[in-house]
Amino acid sequence: MDFKVIFRETFIEDLKRIVSSIAVHNPDAAQKLGEMIIETSESLSFFPERHPKVRQRPGIRRFVVKKYFKVFYRTQHESSRP
């Protein structure tokens, strides 16, 4: 069963800010990092619970990209959606 991945506005804004700041020094690396974060995020449509939960934040999971960039997300099953 595939899940729908929804990017929140705060995620998009943060990603733009990160990519822009890296692009000042290395545009190619910035583009690759942005693409990697998007691709990894979109891959959550299949088995979104594969990444660890964050102990201090119930219902939140995270994955790390390139050792320094953490992406936090939550899963919501169809039956619990409004």
C-alpha atoms as a PDB file:
ATOM      1  CA  MET A   1       0.000   0.000   0.000  1.00  0.00           C
ATOM      2  CA  ASP A   2       1.420   3.364  -1.001  1.00  0.00           C
ATOM      3  CA  PHE A   3       0.998   6.413   1.186  1.00  0.00           C
ATOM      4  CA  LYS A   4       0.660  10.012   0.082  1.00  0.00           C
ATOM      5  CA  VAL A   5       3.588  12.284   0.937  1.00  0.00           C
ATOM      6  CA  ILE A   6       2.548  15.862   1.692  1.00  0.00           C
ATOM      7  CA  PHE A   7       5.193  18.560   1.985  1.00  0.00           C
ATOM      8  CA  ARG A   8       4.331  21.264   4.496  1.00  0.00           C
ATOM      9  CA  GLU A   9       5.090  24.866   3.657  1.00  0.00           C
ATOM     10  CA  THR A  10       7.653  25.026   6.472  1.00  0.00           C
ATOM     11  CA  PHE A  11       9.521  22.073   4.927  1.00  0.00           C
ATOM     12  CA  ILE A  12       9.635  23.787   1.536  1.00  0.00           C
ATOM     13  CA  GLU A  13      10.808  27.080   3.047  1.00  0.00           C
ATOM     14  CA  ASP A  14      13.519  25.374   5.115  1.00  0.00           C
ATOM     15  CA  LEU A  15      14.707  23.374   2.121  1.00  0.00           C
ATOM     16  CA  LYS A  16      14.916  26.510  -0.038  1.00  0.00           C
ATOM     17  CA  ARG A  17      16.878  28.294   2.681  1.00  0.00           C
ATOM     18  CA  ILE A  18      19.341  25.410   3.105  1.00  0.00           C
ATOM     19  CA  VAL A  19      19.866  24.929  -0.627  1.00  0.00           C
ATOM     20  CA  SER A  20      20.281  28.667  -1.204  1.00  0.00           C
ATOM     21  CA  SER A  21      22.892  29.027   1.507  1.00  0.00           C
ATOM     22  CA  ILE A  22      24.918  26.096   0.134  1.00  0.00           C
ATOM     23  CA  ALA A  23      24.534  27.310  -3.461  1.00  0.00           C
ATOM     24  CA  VAL A  24      26.502  30.462  -2.626  1.00  0.00           C
ATOM     25  CA  HIS A  25      29.619  28.296  -2.275  1.00  0.00           C
ATOM     26  CA  ASN A  26      28.785  25.247  -4.399  1.00  0.00           C
ATOM     27  CA  PRO A  27      25.693  25.314  -6.663  1.00  0.00           C
ATOM     28  CA  ASP A  28      26.136  21.716  -7.846  1.00  0.00           C
ATOM     29  CA  ALA A  29      26.343  20.349  -4.297  1.00  0.00           C
ATOM     30  CA  ALA A  30      23.298  22.409  -3.309  1.00  0.00           C
ATOM     31  CA  GLN A  31      21.250  20.995  -6.165  1.00  0.00           C
ATOM     32  CA  LYS A  32      22.329  17.421  -5.398  1.00  0.00           C
ATOM     33  CA  LEU A  33      21.501  17.819  -1.711  1.00  0.00           C
ATOM     34  CA  GLY A  34      18.075  19.305  -2.476  1.00  0.00           C
ATOM     35  CA  GLU A  35      17.288  16.492  -4.882  1.00  0.00           C
ATOM     36  CA  MET A  36      18.462  13.875  -2.385  1.00  0.00           C
ATOM     37  CA  ILE A  37      16.263  15.296   0.374  1.00  0.00           C
ATOM     38  CA  ILE A  38      13.227  15.416  -1.941  1.00  0.00           C
ATOM     39  CA  GLU A  39      13.815  11.888  -3.290  1.00  0.00           C
ATOM     40  CA  THR A  40      14.276  10.420   0.173  1.00  0.00           C
ATOM     41  CA  SER A  41      11.174  12.223   1.400  1.00  0.00           C
ATOM     42  CA  GLU A  42       9.107  11.014  -1.550  1.00  0.00           C
ATOM     43  CA  SER A  43      10.298   7.456  -0.932  1.00  0.00           C
ATOM     44  CA  LEU A  44       8.324   7.571   2.326  1.00  0.00           C
ATOM     45  CA  SER A  45       5.266   6.710   0.246  1.00  0.00           C
ATOM     46  CA  PHE A  46       6.438   3.111   0.597  1.00  0.00           C
ATOM     47  CA  PHE A  47       6.870   1.904   4.189  1.00  0.00           C
ATOM     48  CA  PRO A  48       6.970   5.315   5.907  1.00  0.00           C
ATOM     49  CA  GLU A  49       7.562   3.770   9.328  1.00  0.00           C
ATOM     50  CA  ARG A  50      11.037   2.496   8.431  1.00  0.00           C
ATOM     51  CA  HIS A  51      12.832   5.396  10.107  1.00  0.00           C
ATOM     52  CA  PRO A  52      13.210   5.721  13.893  1.00  0.00           C
ATOM     53  CA  LYS A  53      10.824   7.563  16.157  1.00  0.00           C
ATOM     54  CA  VAL A  54      12.026  10.646  18.011  1.00  0.00           C
ATOM     55  CA  ARG A  55      11.785   9.837  21.713  1.00  0.00           C
ATOM     56  CA  GLN A  56      11.165  13.397  22.866  1.00  0.00           C
ATOM     57  CA  ARG A  57       8.447  14.036  20.260  1.00  0.00           C
ATOM     58  CA  PRO A  58       5.660  11.434  20.190  1.00  0.00           C
ATOM     59  CA  GLY A  59       4.357  10.643  16.709  1.00  0.00           C
ATOM     60  CA  ILE A  60       7.425  12.113  14.982  1.00  0.00           C
ATOM     61  CA  ARG A  61      10.013  10.164  12.994  1.00  0.00           C
ATOM     62  CA  ARG A  62      13.229  11.323  11.381  1.00  0.00           C
ATOM     63  CA  PHE A  63      15.839  10.453   8.806  1.00  0.00           C
ATOM     64  CA  VAL A  64      19.251  11.962   8.193  1.00  0.00           C
ATOM     65  CA  VAL A  65      20.619  13.057   4.821  1.00  0.00           C
ATOM     66  CA  LYS A  66      24.360  13.471   4.324  1.00  0.00           C
ATOM     67  CA  LYS A  67      25.113  13.196   8.032  1.00  0.00           C
ATOM     68  CA  TYR A  68      24.053  16.781   8.872  1.00  0.00           C
ATOM     69  CA  PHE A  69      20.488  17.320   7.642  1.00  0.00           C
ATOM     70  CA  LYS A  70      17.643  15.848   9.675  1.00  0.00           C
ATOM     71  CA  VAL A  71      14.157  15.596   8.230  1.00  0.00           C
ATOM     72  CA  PHE A  72      11.327  15.177  10.729  1.00  0.00           C
ATOM     73  CA  TYR A  73       7.960  13.802   9.659  1.00  0.00           C
ATOM     74  CA  ARG A  74       4.819  12.152  10.929  1.00  0.00           C
ATOM     75  CA  THR A  75       2.679   9.391   9.508  1.00  0.00           C
ATOM     76  CA  GLN A  76      -1.064   9.522   9.460  1.00  0.00           C
ATOM     77  CA  HIS A  77      -3.054   6.472   8.491  1.00  0.00           C
ATOM     78  CA  GLU A  78      -6.171   6.833   6.372  1.00  0.00           C
ATOM     79  CA  SER A  79      -8.489   5.884   9.234  1.00  0.00           C
ATOM     80  CA  SER A  80      -7.164   8.721  11.437  1.00  0.00           C
ATOM     81  CA  ARG A  81      -7.430  11.474   8.825  1.00  0.00           C
ATOM     82  CA  PRO A  82     -10.203  14.058   9.288  1.00  0.00           C
END
